[in-house]
Amino acid sequence: MNNWMALLQEAETIARTRAISKLIIMERGYQVCKFRLQINEDLFVQVYRNDKYDTTNFALILGRIRLYGRDKINGKWHRHTIEKPSSHDLSPEGAREVSLTEFWDEVEAIIQNLGLASML
């Protein structure tokens, strides 16, 4: 994703077409944005983008715990898997760039696999 404005536009599209209760913009500045795609009170995807440092963070959160995530730091992507959410997966799959829409597709599959579909 080239900039936070394009990322926010992608989030608005997801919010209109997927199982999102609301889009909450937490921070929006010249080069930074942070927002949530709220699924329900306890389950959401949090997104952070800093254009100056080319940093992107996508995280699936349940309560206060990250279940899954993908981050781009210093131009390189890594993944936080369901099995080891505090570790960095640098495998080819873990290191591939993903759009917010691709991340959302992964999240929907994870929610189904964990038996959390009733939360959608």
PDB file of N, CA and C in Angstrom:
ATOM      1  N   MET A   1       0.849  -1.165   0.000  1.00  0.00           N
ATOM      2  CA  MET A   1       0.000   0.000   0.000  1.00  0.00           C
ATOM      3  C   MET A   1       0.896   1.230   0.000  1.00  0.00           C
ATOM      4  N   ASN A   2       0.658   2.153  -0.909  1.00  0.00           N
ATOM      5  CA  ASN A   2       1.526   3.310  -1.071  1.00  0.00           C
ATOM      6  C   ASN A   2       1.339   4.382  -0.015  1.00  0.00           C
ATOM      7  N   ASN A   3       0.112   4.590   0.443  1.00  0.00           N
ATOM      8  CA  ASN A   3      -0.094   5.632   1.440  1.00  0.00           C
ATOM      9  C   ASN A   3      -1.329   5.332   2.282  1.00  0.00           C
ATOM     10  N   TRP A   4      -1.409   6.052   3.390  1.00  0.00           N
ATOM     11  CA  TRP A   4      -2.485   5.774   4.336  1.00  0.00           C
ATOM     12  C   TRP A   4      -3.848   6.121   3.777  1.00  0.00           C
ATOM     13  N   MET A   5      -3.923   7.122   2.889  1.00  0.00           N
ATOM     14  CA  MET A   5      -5.235   7.484   2.341  1.00  0.00           C
ATOM     15  C   MET A   5      -5.809   6.355   1.485  1.00  0.00           C
ATOM     16  N   ALA A   6      -4.958   5.729   0.681  1.00  0.00           N
ATOM     17  CA  ALA A   6      -5.411   4.595  -0.132  1.00  0.00           C
ATOM     18  C   ALA A   6      -5.806   3.421   0.762  1.00  0.00           C
ATOM     19  N   LEU A   7      -5.064   3.212   1.831  1.00  0.00           N
ATOM     20  CA  LEU A   7      -5.379   2.135   2.775  1.00  0.00           C
ATOM     21  C   LEU A   7      -6.728   2.388   3.458  1.00  0.00           C
ATOM     22  N   LEU A   8      -6.987   3.620   3.831  1.00  0.00           N
ATOM     23  CA  LEU A   8      -8.267   3.953   4.453  1.00  0.00           C
ATOM     24  C   LEU A   8      -9.417   3.782   3.461  1.00  0.00           C
ATOM     25  N   GLN A   9      -9.201   4.130   2.204  1.00  0.00           N
ATOM     26  CA  GLN A   9     -10.229   3.908   1.178  1.00  0.00           C
ATOM     27  C   GLN A   9     -10.528   2.421   1.021  1.00  0.00           C
ATOM     28  N   GLU A  10      -9.477   1.601   1.048  1.00  0.00           N
ATOM     29  CA  GLU A  10      -9.667   0.149   0.972  1.00  0.00           C
ATOM     30  C   GLU A  10     -10.474  -0.338   2.179  1.00  0.00           C
ATOM     31  N   ALA A  11     -10.181   0.198   3.361  1.00  0.00           N
ATOM     32  CA  ALA A  11     -10.918  -0.169   4.574  1.00  0.00           C
ATOM     33  C   ALA A  11     -12.387   0.227   4.471  1.00  0.00           C
ATOM     34  N   GLU A  12     -12.661   1.379   3.896  1.00  0.00           N
ATOM     35  CA  GLU A  12     -14.050   1.821   3.730  1.00  0.00           C
ATOM     36  C   GLU A  12     -14.814   0.871   2.816  1.00  0.00           C
ATOM     37  N   THR A  13     -14.156   0.378   1.779  1.00  0.00           N
ATOM     38  CA  THR A  13     -14.781  -0.601   0.884  1.00  0.00           C
ATOM     39  C   THR A  13     -15.060  -1.901   1.632  1.00  0.00           C
ATOM     40  N   ILE A  14     -14.094  -2.373   2.398  1.00  0.00           N
ATOM     41  CA  ILE A  14     -14.285  -3.593   3.188  1.00  0.00           C
ATOM     42  C   ILE A  14     -15.445  -3.401   4.166  1.00  0.00           C
ATOM     43  N   ALA A  15     -15.491  -2.248   4.815  1.00  0.00           N
ATOM     44  CA  ALA A  15     -16.547  -1.982   5.801  1.00  0.00           C
ATOM     45  C   ALA A  15     -17.935  -1.992   5.167  1.00  0.00           C
ATOM     46  N   ARG A  16     -18.037  -1.597   3.908  1.00  0.00           N
ATOM     47  CA  ARG A  16     -19.336  -1.592   3.222  1.00  0.00           C
ATOM     48  C   ARG A  16     -19.747  -2.974   2.738  1.00  0.00           C
ATOM     49  N   THR A  17     -18.778  -3.857   2.489  1.00  0.00           N
ATOM     50  CA  THR A  17     -19.084  -5.118   1.815  1.00  0.00           C
ATOM     51  C   THR A  17     -18.882  -6.364   2.669  1.00  0.00           C
ATOM     52  N   ARG A  18     -18.319  -6.227   3.846  1.00  0.00           N
ATOM     53  CA  ARG A  18     -18.019  -7.389   4.688  1.00  0.00           C
ATOM     54  C   ARG A  18     -18.710  -7.266   6.043  1.00  0.00           C
ATOM     55  N   ALA A  19     -18.457  -8.242   6.908  1.00  0.00           N
ATOM     56  CA  ALA A  19     -19.110  -8.305   8.223  1.00  0.00           C
ATOM     57  C   ALA A  19     -18.418  -7.380   9.222  1.00  0.00           C
ATOM     58  N   ILE A  20     -18.577  -6.084   9.009  1.00  0.00           N
ATOM     59  CA  ILE A  20     -17.976  -5.081   9.879  1.00  0.00           C
ATOM     60  C   ILE A  20     -19.103  -4.304  10.550  1.00  0.00           C
ATOM     61  N   SER A  21     -19.041  -4.172  11.876  1.00  0.00           N
ATOM     62  CA  SER A  21     -20.073  -3.375  12.548  1.00  0.00           C
ATOM     63  C   SER A  21     -19.792  -1.886  12.396  1.00  0.00           C
ATOM     64  N   LYS A  22     -18.491  -1.508  12.402  1.00  0.00           N
ATOM     65  CA  LYS A  22     -18.147  -0.106  12.165  1.00  0.00           C
ATOM     66  C   LYS A  22     -16.655   0.059  11.910  1.00  0.00           C
ATOM     67  N   LEU A  23     -16.335   1.147  11.263  1.00  0.00           N
ATOM     68  CA  LEU A  23     -14.956   1.559  11.016  1.00  0.00           C
ATOM     69  C   LEU A  23     -14.665   2.695  11.984  1.00  0.00           C
ATOM     70  N   ILE A  24     -13.674   2.502  12.838  1.00  0.00           N
ATOM     71  CA  ILE A  24     -13.329   3.503  13.846  1.00  0.00           C
ATOM     72  C   ILE A  24     -11.964   4.084  13.503  1.00  0.00           C
ATOM     73  N   ILE A  25     -11.928   5.361  13.194  1.00  0.00           N
ATOM     74  CA  ILE A  25     -10.654   6.031  12.914  1.00  0.00           C
ATOM     75  C   ILE A  25     -10.118   6.553  14.236  1.00  0.00           C
ATOM     76  N   MET A  26      -8.968   6.046  14.634  1.00  0.00           N
ATOM     77  CA  MET A  26      -8.389   6.381  15.927  1.00  0.00           C
ATOM     78  C   MET A  26      -7.387   7.523  15.819  1.00  0.00           C
ATOM     79  N   GLU A  27      -6.693   7.586  14.679  1.00  0.00           N
ATOM     80  CA  GLU A  27      -5.690   8.624  14.460  1.00  0.00           C
ATOM     81  C   GLU A  27      -5.586   8.864  12.963  1.00  0.00           C
ATOM     82  N   ARG A  28      -5.530  10.117  12.599  1.00  0.00           N
ATOM     83  CA  ARG A  28      -5.337  10.458  11.192  1.00  0.00           C
ATOM     84  C   ARG A  28      -4.522  11.744  11.160  1.00  0.00           C
ATOM     85  N   GLY A  29      -3.365  11.682  10.518  1.00  0.00           N
ATOM     86  CA  GLY A  29      -2.490  12.844  10.444  1.00  0.00           C
ATOM     87  C   GLY A  29      -1.896  12.984   9.062  1.00  0.00           C
ATOM     88  N   TYR A  30      -0.888  13.803   8.957  1.00  0.00           N
ATOM     89  CA  TYR A  30      -0.269  14.080   7.667  1.00  0.00           C
ATOM     90  C   TYR A  30       0.313  12.813   7.032  1.00  0.00           C
ATOM     91  N   GLN A  31       0.983  11.994   7.828  1.00  0.00           N
ATOM     92  CA  GLN A  31       1.631  10.793   7.296  1.00  0.00           C
ATOM     93  C   GLN A  31       1.234   9.511   8.013  1.00  0.00           C
ATOM     94  N   VAL A  32       0.293   9.596   8.942  1.00  0.00           N
ATOM     95  CA  VAL A  32      -0.029   8.457   9.800  1.00  0.00           C
ATOM     96  C   VAL A  32      -1.541   8.269   9.902  1.00  0.00           C
ATOM     97  N   CYS A  33      -1.958   7.007   9.950  1.00  0.00           N
ATOM     98  CA  CYS A  33      -3.349   6.720  10.307  1.00  0.00           C
ATOM     99  C   CYS A  33      -3.393   5.420  11.105  1.00  0.00           C
ATOM    100  N   LYS A  34      -4.392   5.342  11.959  1.00  0.00           N
ATOM    101  CA  LYS A  34      -4.643   4.143  12.753  1.00  0.00           C
ATOM    102  C   LYS A  34      -6.151   4.001  12.850  1.00  0.00           C
ATOM    103  N   PHE A  35      -6.639   2.806  12.535  1.00  0.00           N
ATOM    104  CA  PHE A  35      -8.082   2.594  12.593  1.00  0.00           C
ATOM    105  C   PHE A  35      -8.397   1.140  12.887  1.00  0.00           C
ATOM    106  N   ARG A  36      -9.673   0.908  13.207  1.00  0.00           N
ATOM    107  CA  ARG A  36     -10.156  -0.445  13.488  1.00  0.00           C
ATOM    108  C   ARG A  36     -11.326  -0.773  12.584  1.00  0.00           C
ATOM    109  N   LEU A  37     -11.322  -1.990  12.118  1.00  0.00           N
ATOM    110  CA  LEU A  37     -12.482  -2.581  11.464  1.00  0.00           C
ATOM    111  C   LEU A  37     -13.124  -3.448  12.537  1.00  0.00           C
ATOM    112  N   GLN A  38     -14.129  -2.912  13.192  1.00  0.00           N
ATOM    113  CA  GLN A  38     -14.760  -3.556  14.343  1.00  0.00           C
ATOM    114  C   GLN A  38     -15.731  -4.629  13.859  1.00  0.00           C
ATOM    115  N   ILE A  39     -15.511  -5.852  14.277  1.00  0.00           N
ATOM    116  CA  ILE A  39     -16.407  -6.959  13.945  1.00  0.00           C
ATOM    117  C   ILE A  39     -17.504  -7.029  15.004  1.00  0.00           C
ATOM    118  N   ASN A  40     -17.084  -7.004  16.252  1.00  0.00           N
ATOM    119  CA  ASN A  40     -18.009  -6.861  17.381  1.00  0.00           C
ATOM    120  C   ASN A  40     -17.238  -6.197  18.509  1.00  0.00           C
ATOM    121  N   GLU A  41     -17.813  -6.151  19.684  1.00  0.00           N
ATOM    122  CA  GLU A  41     -17.179  -5.431  20.790  1.00  0.00           C
ATOM    123  C   GLU A  41     -15.776  -5.944  21.105  1.00  0.00           C
ATOM    124  N   ASP A  42     -15.555  -7.242  21.002  1.00  0.00           N
ATOM    125  CA  ASP A  42     -14.280  -7.841  21.398  1.00  0.00           C
ATOM    126  C   ASP A  42     -13.366  -8.237  20.247  1.00  0.00           C
ATOM    127  N   LEU A  43     -13.873  -8.293  19.041  1.00  0.00           N
ATOM    128  CA  LEU A  43     -13.118  -8.808  17.898  1.00  0.00           C
ATOM    129  C   LEU A  43     -13.006  -7.730  16.828  1.00  0.00           C
ATOM    130  N   PHE A  44     -11.756  -7.439  16.428  1.00  0.00           N
ATOM    131  CA  PHE A  44     -11.556  -6.399  15.423  1.00  0.00           C
ATOM    132  C   PHE A  44     -10.208  -6.571  14.729  1.00  0.00           C
ATOM    133  N   VAL A  45     -10.075  -5.906  13.595  1.00  0.00           N
ATOM    134  CA  VAL A  45      -8.796  -5.796  12.902  1.00  0.00           C
ATOM    135  C   VAL A  45      -8.307  -4.373  13.118  1.00  0.00           C
ATOM    136  N   GLN A  46      -7.101  -4.255  13.651  1.00  0.00           N
ATOM    137  CA  GLN A  46      -6.502  -2.936  13.836  1.00  0.00           C
ATOM    138  C   GLN A  46      -5.463  -2.719  12.750  1.00  0.00           C
ATOM    139  N   VAL A  47      -5.464  -1.514  12.189  1.00  0.00           N
ATOM    140  CA  VAL A  47      -4.573  -1.167  11.084  1.00  0.00           C
ATOM    141  C   VAL A  47      -3.813   0.100  11.449  1.00  0.00           C
ATOM    142  N   TYR A  48      -2.512   0.071  11.198  1.00  0.00           N
ATOM    143  CA  TYR A  48      -1.659   1.239  11.408  1.00  0.00           C
ATOM    144  C   TYR A  48      -0.821   1.426  10.156  1.00  0.00           C
ATOM    145  N   ARG A  49      -0.704   2.671   9.712  1.00  0.00           N
ATOM    146  CA  ARG A  49       0.137   2.978   8.553  1.00  0.00           C
ATOM    147  C   ARG A  49       0.892   4.272   8.829  1.00  0.00           C
ATOM    148  N   ASN A  50       2.224   4.237   8.595  1.00  0.00           N
ATOM    149  CA  ASN A  50       3.072   5.415   8.693  1.00  0.00           C
ATOM    150  C   ASN A  50       3.786   5.562   7.359  1.00  0.00           C
ATOM    151  N   ASP A  51       3.388   6.570   6.580  1.00  0.00           N
ATOM    152  CA  ASP A  51       3.972   6.766   5.256  1.00  0.00           C
ATOM    153  C   ASP A  51       5.434   7.188   5.331  1.00  0.00           C
ATOM    154  N   LYS A  52       5.793   7.996   6.321  1.00  0.00           N
ATOM    155  CA  LYS A  52       7.172   8.480   6.437  1.00  0.00           C
ATOM    156  C   LYS A  52       8.150   7.318   6.576  1.00  0.00           C
ATOM    157  N   TYR A  53       7.797   6.338   7.386  1.00  0.00           N
ATOM    158  CA  TYR A  53       8.689   5.205   7.640  1.00  0.00           C
ATOM    159  C   TYR A  53       8.306   3.953   6.856  1.00  0.00           C
ATOM    160  N   ASP A  54       7.313   4.068   5.978  1.00  0.00           N
ATOM    161  CA  ASP A  54       6.847   2.940   5.158  1.00  0.00           C
ATOM    162  C   ASP A  54       6.549   1.718   6.036  1.00  0.00           C
ATOM    163  N   THR A  55       5.795   1.964   7.097  1.00  0.00           N
ATOM    164  CA  THR A  55       5.433   0.923   8.055  1.00  0.00           C
ATOM    165  C   THR A  55       3.933   0.655   7.978  1.00  0.00           C
ATOM    166  N   THR A  56       3.577  -0.621   7.923  1.00  0.00           N
ATOM    167  CA  THR A  56       2.175  -1.033   7.911  1.00  0.00           C
ATOM    168  C   THR A  56       2.005  -2.175   8.902  1.00  0.00           C
ATOM    169  N   ASN A  57       0.950  -2.111   9.710  1.00  0.00           N
ATOM    170  CA  ASN A  57       0.646  -3.185  10.654  1.00  0.00           C
ATOM    171  C   ASN A  57      -0.820  -3.559  10.529  1.00  0.00           C
ATOM    172  N   PHE A  58      -1.076  -4.856  10.354  1.00  0.00           N
ATOM    173  CA  PHE A  58      -2.430  -5.406  10.352  1.00  0.00           C
ATOM    174  C   PHE A  58      -2.489  -6.421  11.487  1.00  0.00           C
ATOM    175  N   ALA A  59      -3.487  -6.327  12.354  1.00  0.00           N
ATOM    176  CA  ALA A  59      -3.585  -7.281  13.463  1.00  0.00           C
ATOM    177  C   ALA A  59      -5.038  -7.664  13.719  1.00  0.00           C
ATOM    178  N   LEU A  60      -5.275  -8.959  13.877  1.00  0.00           N
ATOM    179  CA  LEU A  60      -6.569  -9.472  14.322  1.00  0.00           C
ATOM    180  C   LEU A  60      -6.502  -9.566  15.839  1.00  0.00           C
ATOM    181  N   ILE A  61      -7.398  -8.851  16.516  1.00  0.00           N
ATOM    182  CA  ILE A  61      -7.379  -8.761  17.972  1.00  0.00           C
ATOM    183  C   ILE A  61      -8.673  -9.336  18.541  1.00  0.00           C
ATOM    184  N   LEU A  62      -8.529 -10.173  19.556  1.00  0.00           N
ATOM    185  CA  LEU A  62      -9.671 -10.678  20.327  1.00  0.00           C
ATOM    186  C   LEU A  62      -9.435 -10.264  21.771  1.00  0.00           C
ATOM    187  N   GLY A  63     -10.327  -9.428  22.306  1.00  0.00           N
ATOM    188  CA  GLY A  63     -10.084  -8.856  23.631  1.00  0.00           C
ATOM    189  C   GLY A  63      -8.909  -7.910  23.529  1.00  0.00           C
ATOM    190  N   ARG A  64      -7.856  -8.211  24.213  1.00  0.00           N
ATOM    191  CA  ARG A  64      -6.629  -7.407  24.136  1.00  0.00           C
ATOM    192  C   ARG A  64      -5.464  -8.223  23.584  1.00  0.00           C
ATOM    193  N   ILE A  65      -5.774  -9.351  22.961  1.00  0.00           N
ATOM    194  CA  ILE A  65      -4.734 -10.280  22.509  1.00  0.00           C
ATOM    195  C   ILE A  65      -4.688 -10.347  20.991  1.00  0.00           C
ATOM    196  N   ARG A  66      -3.475 -10.188  20.443  1.00  0.00           N
ATOM    197  CA  ARG A  66      -3.304 -10.357  19.004  1.00  0.00           C
ATOM    198  C   ARG A  66      -3.330 -11.846  18.688  1.00  0.00           C
ATOM    199  N   LEU A  67      -4.274 -12.233  17.835  1.00  0.00           N
ATOM    200  CA  LEU A  67      -4.364 -13.622  17.389  1.00  0.00           C
ATOM    201  C   LEU A  67      -3.513 -13.869  16.154  1.00  0.00           C
ATOM    202  N   TYR A  68      -3.407 -12.850  15.298  1.00  0.00           N
ATOM    203  CA  TYR A  68      -2.765 -13.014  13.998  1.00  0.00           C
ATOM    204  C   TYR A  68      -2.383 -11.631  13.493  1.00  0.00           C
ATOM    205  N   GLY A  69      -1.320 -11.560  12.707  1.00  0.00           N
ATOM    206  CA  GLY A  69      -0.962 -10.259  12.153  1.00  0.00           C
ATOM    207  C   GLY A  69       0.038 -10.347  11.022  1.00  0.00           C
ATOM    208  N   ARG A  70       0.147  -9.248  10.317  1.00  0.00           N
ATOM    209  CA  ARG A  70       1.159  -9.056   9.276  1.00  0.00           C
ATOM    210  C   ARG A  70       1.669  -7.628   9.400  1.00  0.00           C
ATOM    211  N   ASP A  71       2.990  -7.478   9.312  1.00  0.00           N
ATOM    212  CA  ASP A  71       3.616  -6.170   9.459  1.00  0.00           C
ATOM    213  C   ASP A  71       4.627  -5.930   8.352  1.00  0.00           C
ATOM    214  N   LYS A  72       4.736  -4.672   7.972  1.00  0.00           N
ATOM    215  CA  LYS A  72       5.793  -4.229   7.060  1.00  0.00           C
ATOM    216  C   LYS A  72       6.625  -3.205   7.816  1.00  0.00           C
ATOM    217  N   ILE A  73       7.884  -3.559   8.038  1.00  0.00           N
ATOM    218  CA  ILE A  73       8.801  -2.686   8.757  1.00  0.00           C
ATOM    219  C   ILE A  73      10.086  -2.597   7.944  1.00  0.00           C
ATOM    220  N   ASN A  74      10.552  -1.379   7.717  1.00  0.00           N
ATOM    221  CA  ASN A  74      11.752  -1.154   6.901  1.00  0.00           C
ATOM    222  C   ASN A  74      11.642  -1.824   5.542  1.00  0.00           C
ATOM    223  N   GLY A  75      10.457  -1.789   4.963  1.00  0.00           N
ATOM    224  CA  GLY A  75      10.251  -2.320   3.617  1.00  0.00           C
ATOM    225  C   GLY A  75      10.109  -3.827   3.530  1.00  0.00           C
ATOM    226  N   LYS A  76      10.157  -4.527   4.659  1.00  0.00           N
ATOM    227  CA  LYS A  76      10.067  -5.992   4.652  1.00  0.00           C
ATOM    228  C   LYS A  76       8.857  -6.447   5.456  1.00  0.00           C
ATOM    229  N   TRP A  77       8.153  -7.426   4.899  1.00  0.00           N
ATOM    230  CA  TRP A  77       6.959  -7.973   5.534  1.00  0.00           C
ATOM    231  C   TRP A  77       7.299  -9.200   6.369  1.00  0.00           C
ATOM    232  N   HIS A  78       6.547  -9.406   7.425  1.00  0.00           N
ATOM    233  CA  HIS A  78       6.579 -10.654   8.192  1.00  0.00           C
ATOM    234  C   HIS A  78       5.172 -10.914   8.720  1.00  0.00           C
ATOM    235  N   ARG A  79       4.986 -12.128   9.184  1.00  0.00           N
ATOM    236  CA  ARG A  79       3.664 -12.549   9.662  1.00  0.00           C
ATOM    237  C   ARG A  79       3.771 -13.031  11.102  1.00  0.00           C
ATOM    238  N   HIS A  80       2.700 -12.808  11.857  1.00  0.00           N
ATOM    239  CA  HIS A  80       2.536 -13.355  13.207  1.00  0.00           C
ATOM    240  C   HIS A  80       1.448 -14.415  13.085  1.00  0.00           C
ATOM    241  N   THR A  81       1.831 -15.669  13.135  1.00  0.00           N
ATOM    242  CA  THR A  81       0.883 -16.760  12.894  1.00  0.00           C
ATOM    243  C   THR A  81      -0.027 -16.994  14.098  1.00  0.00           C
ATOM    244  N   ILE A  82      -1.116 -17.693  13.833  1.00  0.00           N
ATOM    245  CA  ILE A  82      -2.042 -18.092  14.900  1.00  0.00           C
ATOM    246  C   ILE A  82      -1.309 -18.953  15.927  1.00  0.00           C
ATOM    247  N   GLU A  83      -0.451 -19.836  15.443  1.00  0.00           N
ATOM    248  CA  GLU A  83       0.263 -20.764  16.329  1.00  0.00           C
ATOM    249  C   GLU A  83       1.292 -20.049  17.205  1.00  0.00           C
ATOM    250  N   LYS A  84       1.947 -19.013  16.656  1.00  0.00           N
ATOM    251  CA  LYS A  84       2.984 -18.280  17.390  1.00  0.00           C
ATOM    252  C   LYS A  84       2.832 -16.781  17.124  1.00  0.00           C
ATOM    253  N   PRO A  85       1.801 -16.160  17.692  1.00  0.00           N
ATOM    254  CA  PRO A  85       1.534 -14.757  17.365  1.00  0.00           C
ATOM    255  C   PRO A  85       2.598 -13.766  17.839  1.00  0.00           C
ATOM    256  N   SER A  86       3.468 -14.171  18.752  1.00  0.00           N
ATOM    257  CA  SER A  86       4.521 -13.253  19.199  1.00  0.00           C
ATOM    258  C   SER A  86       5.817 -13.422  18.411  1.00  0.00           C
ATOM    259  N   SER A  87       5.860 -14.406  17.510  1.00  0.00           N
ATOM    260  CA  SER A  87       7.052 -14.654  16.691  1.00  0.00           C
ATOM    261  C   SER A  87       6.875 -14.088  15.292  1.00  0.00           C
ATOM    262  N   HIS A  88       7.998 -13.887  14.611  1.00  0.00           N
ATOM    263  CA  HIS A  88       7.985 -13.400  13.231  1.00  0.00           C
ATOM    264  C   HIS A  88       8.196 -14.565  12.273  1.00  0.00           C
ATOM    265  N   ASP A  89       7.249 -14.764  11.381  1.00  0.00           N
ATOM    266  CA  ASP A  89       7.357 -15.775  10.327  1.00  0.00           C
ATOM    267  C   ASP A  89       7.952 -15.092   9.101  1.00  0.00           C
ATOM    268  N   LEU A  90       9.186 -15.451   8.770  1.00  0.00           N
ATOM    269  CA  LEU A  90       9.894 -14.857   7.636  1.00  0.00           C
ATOM    270  C   LEU A  90       9.959 -15.801   6.444  1.00  0.00           C
ATOM    271  N   SER A  91       9.160 -16.868   6.469  1.00  0.00           N
ATOM    272  CA  SER A  91       9.095 -17.797   5.337  1.00  0.00           C
ATOM    273  C   SER A  91       8.599 -17.034   4.111  1.00  0.00           C
ATOM    274  N   PRO A  92       8.704 -17.623   2.916  1.00  0.00           N
ATOM    275  CA  PRO A  92       8.175 -16.933   1.724  1.00  0.00           C
ATOM    276  C   PRO A  92       6.712 -16.510   1.890  1.00  0.00           C
ATOM    277  N   GLU A  93       5.888 -17.362   2.479  1.00  0.00           N
ATOM    278  CA  GLU A  93       4.484 -16.993   2.704  1.00  0.00           C
ATOM    279  C   GLU A  93       4.373 -15.879   3.740  1.00  0.00           C
ATOM    280  N   GLY A  94       5.153 -15.969   4.792  1.00  0.00           N
ATOM    281  CA  GLY A  94       5.105 -14.948   5.837  1.00  0.00           C
ATOM    282  C   GLY A  94       5.652 -13.606   5.395  1.00  0.00           C
ATOM    283  N   ALA A  95       6.598 -13.624   4.460  1.00  0.00           N
ATOM    284  CA  ALA A  95       7.260 -12.396   4.018  1.00  0.00           C
ATOM    285  C   ALA A  95       6.611 -11.744   2.802  1.00  0.00           C
ATOM    286  N   ARG A  96       5.539 -12.345   2.292  1.00  0.00           N
ATOM    287  CA  ARG A  96       4.932 -11.742   1.096  1.00  0.00           C
ATOM    288  C   ARG A  96       4.067 -10.544   1.474  1.00  0.00           C
ATOM    289  N   GLU A  97       4.066  -9.567   0.589  1.00  0.00           N
ATOM    290  CA  GLU A  97       3.246  -8.378   0.789  1.00  0.00           C
ATOM    291  C   GLU A  97       1.775  -8.730   0.607  1.00  0.00           C
ATOM    292  N   VAL A  98       0.929  -8.189   1.466  1.00  0.00           N
ATOM    293  CA  VAL A  98      -0.517  -8.396   1.333  1.00  0.00           C
ATOM    294  C   VAL A  98      -1.228  -7.051   1.410  1.00  0.00           C
ATOM    295  N   SER A  99      -2.328  -6.974   0.705  1.00  0.00           N
ATOM    296  CA  SER A  99      -3.201  -5.806   0.811  1.00  0.00           C
ATOM    297  C   SER A  99      -4.096  -5.994   2.031  1.00  0.00           C
ATOM    298  N   LEU A 100      -4.785  -4.943   2.406  1.00  0.00           N
ATOM    299  CA  LEU A 100      -5.734  -5.065   3.510  1.00  0.00           C
ATOM    300  C   LEU A 100      -6.855  -6.036   3.155  1.00  0.00           C
ATOM    301  N   THR A 101      -7.276  -6.033   1.909  1.00  0.00           N
ATOM    302  CA  THR A 101      -8.322  -6.965   1.471  1.00  0.00           C
ATOM    303  C   THR A 101      -7.847  -8.406   1.579  1.00  0.00           C
ATOM    304  N   GLU A 102      -6.600  -8.676   1.190  1.00  0.00           N
ATOM    305  CA  GLU A 102      -6.054 -10.034   1.333  1.00  0.00           C
ATOM    306  C   GLU A 102      -5.968 -10.422   2.803  1.00  0.00           C
ATOM    307  N   PHE A 103      -5.543  -9.484   3.644  1.00  0.00           N
ATOM    308  CA  PHE A 103      -5.477  -9.761   5.075  1.00  0.00           C
ATOM    309  C   PHE A 103      -6.875 -10.066   5.611  1.00  0.00           C
ATOM    310  N   TRP A 104      -7.856  -9.290   5.178  1.00  0.00           N
ATOM    311  CA  TRP A 104      -9.230  -9.538   5.622  1.00  0.00           C
ATOM    312  C   TRP A 104      -9.690 -10.932   5.215  1.00  0.00           C
ATOM    313  N   ASP A 105      -9.344 -11.369   4.012  1.00  0.00           N
ATOM    314  CA  ASP A 105      -9.689 -12.731   3.577  1.00  0.00           C
ATOM    315  C   ASP A 105      -9.065 -13.768   4.513  1.00  0.00           C
ATOM    316  N   GLU A 106      -7.806 -13.547   4.905  1.00  0.00           N
ATOM    317  CA  GLU A 106      -7.150 -14.452   5.857  1.00  0.00           C
ATOM    318  C   GLU A 106      -7.887 -14.444   7.197  1.00  0.00           C
ATOM    319  N   VAL A 107      -8.280 -13.264   7.643  1.00  0.00           N
ATOM    320  CA  VAL A 107      -8.998 -13.122   8.915  1.00  0.00           C
ATOM    321  C   VAL A 107     -10.316 -13.890   8.890  1.00  0.00           C
ATOM    322  N   GLU A 108     -11.065 -13.764   7.810  1.00  0.00           N
ATOM    323  CA  GLU A 108     -12.333 -14.496   7.717  1.00  0.00           C
ATOM    324  C   GLU A 108     -12.111 -16.000   7.820  1.00  0.00           C
ATOM    325  N   ALA A 109     -11.061 -16.509   7.167  1.00  0.00           N
ATOM    326  CA  ALA A 109     -10.752 -17.941   7.244  1.00  0.00           C
ATOM    327  C   ALA A 109     -10.354 -18.333   8.669  1.00  0.00           C
ATOM    328  N   ILE A 110      -9.570 -17.503   9.330  1.00  0.00           N
ATOM    329  CA  ILE A 110      -9.146 -17.776  10.709  1.00  0.00           C
ATOM    330  C   ILE A 110     -10.353 -17.806  11.641  1.00  0.00           C
ATOM    331  N   ILE A 111     -11.239 -16.851  11.487  1.00  0.00           N
ATOM    332  CA  ILE A 111     -12.444 -16.800  12.319  1.00  0.00           C
ATOM    333  C   ILE A 111     -13.266 -18.075  12.138  1.00  0.00           C
ATOM    334  N   GLN A 112     -13.402 -18.528  10.906  1.00  0.00           N
ATOM    335  CA  GLN A 112     -14.123 -19.781  10.633  1.00  0.00           C
ATOM    336  C   GLN A 112     -13.409 -20.964  11.291  1.00  0.00           C
ATOM    337  N   ASN A 113     -12.088 -21.050  11.093  1.00  0.00           N
ATOM    338  CA  ASN A 113     -11.314 -22.184  11.615  1.00  0.00           C
ATOM    339  C   ASN A 113     -11.293 -22.242  13.140  1.00  0.00           C
ATOM    340  N   LEU A 114     -11.361 -21.095  13.790  1.00  0.00           N
ATOM    341  CA  LEU A 114     -11.352 -21.061  15.255  1.00  0.00           C
ATOM    342  C   LEU A 114     -12.741 -21.217  15.861  1.00  0.00           C
ATOM    343  N   GLY A 115     -13.738 -21.358  15.000  1.00  0.00           N
ATOM    344  CA  GLY A 115     -15.100 -21.510  15.494  1.00  0.00           C
ATOM    345  C   GLY A 115     -15.693 -20.220  16.036  1.00  0.00           C
ATOM    346  N   LEU A 116     -15.196 -19.087  15.533  1.00  0.00           N
ATOM    347  CA  LEU A 116     -15.683 -17.790  15.994  1.00  0.00           C
ATOM    348  C   LEU A 116     -16.672 -17.163  15.017  1.00  0.00           C
ATOM    349  N   ALA A 117     -17.146 -17.952  14.061  1.00  0.00           N
ATOM    350  CA  ALA A 117     -18.023 -17.415  13.012  1.00  0.00           C
ATOM    351  C   ALA A 117     -19.277 -16.770  13.583  1.00  0.00           C
ATOM    352  N   SER A 118     -19.718 -17.223  14.737  1.00  0.00           N
ATOM    353  CA  SER A 118     -20.910 -16.617  15.340  1.00  0.00           C
ATOM    354  C   SER A 118     -20.651 -15.168  15.746  1.00  0.00           C
ATOM    355  N   MET A 119     -19.373 -14.783  15.815  1.00  0.00           N
ATOM    356  CA  MET A 119     -19.029 -13.412  16.178  1.00  0.00           C
ATOM    357  C   MET A 119     -19.145 -12.470  14.986  1.00  0.00           C
ATOM    358  N   LEU A 120     -19.259 -13.044  13.784  1.00  0.00           N
ATOM    359  CA  LEU A 120     -19.375 -12.198  12.586  1.00  0.00           C
ATOM    360  C   LEU A 120     -20.748 -11.577  12.488  1.00  0.00           C
TER     361      LEU A 120
END
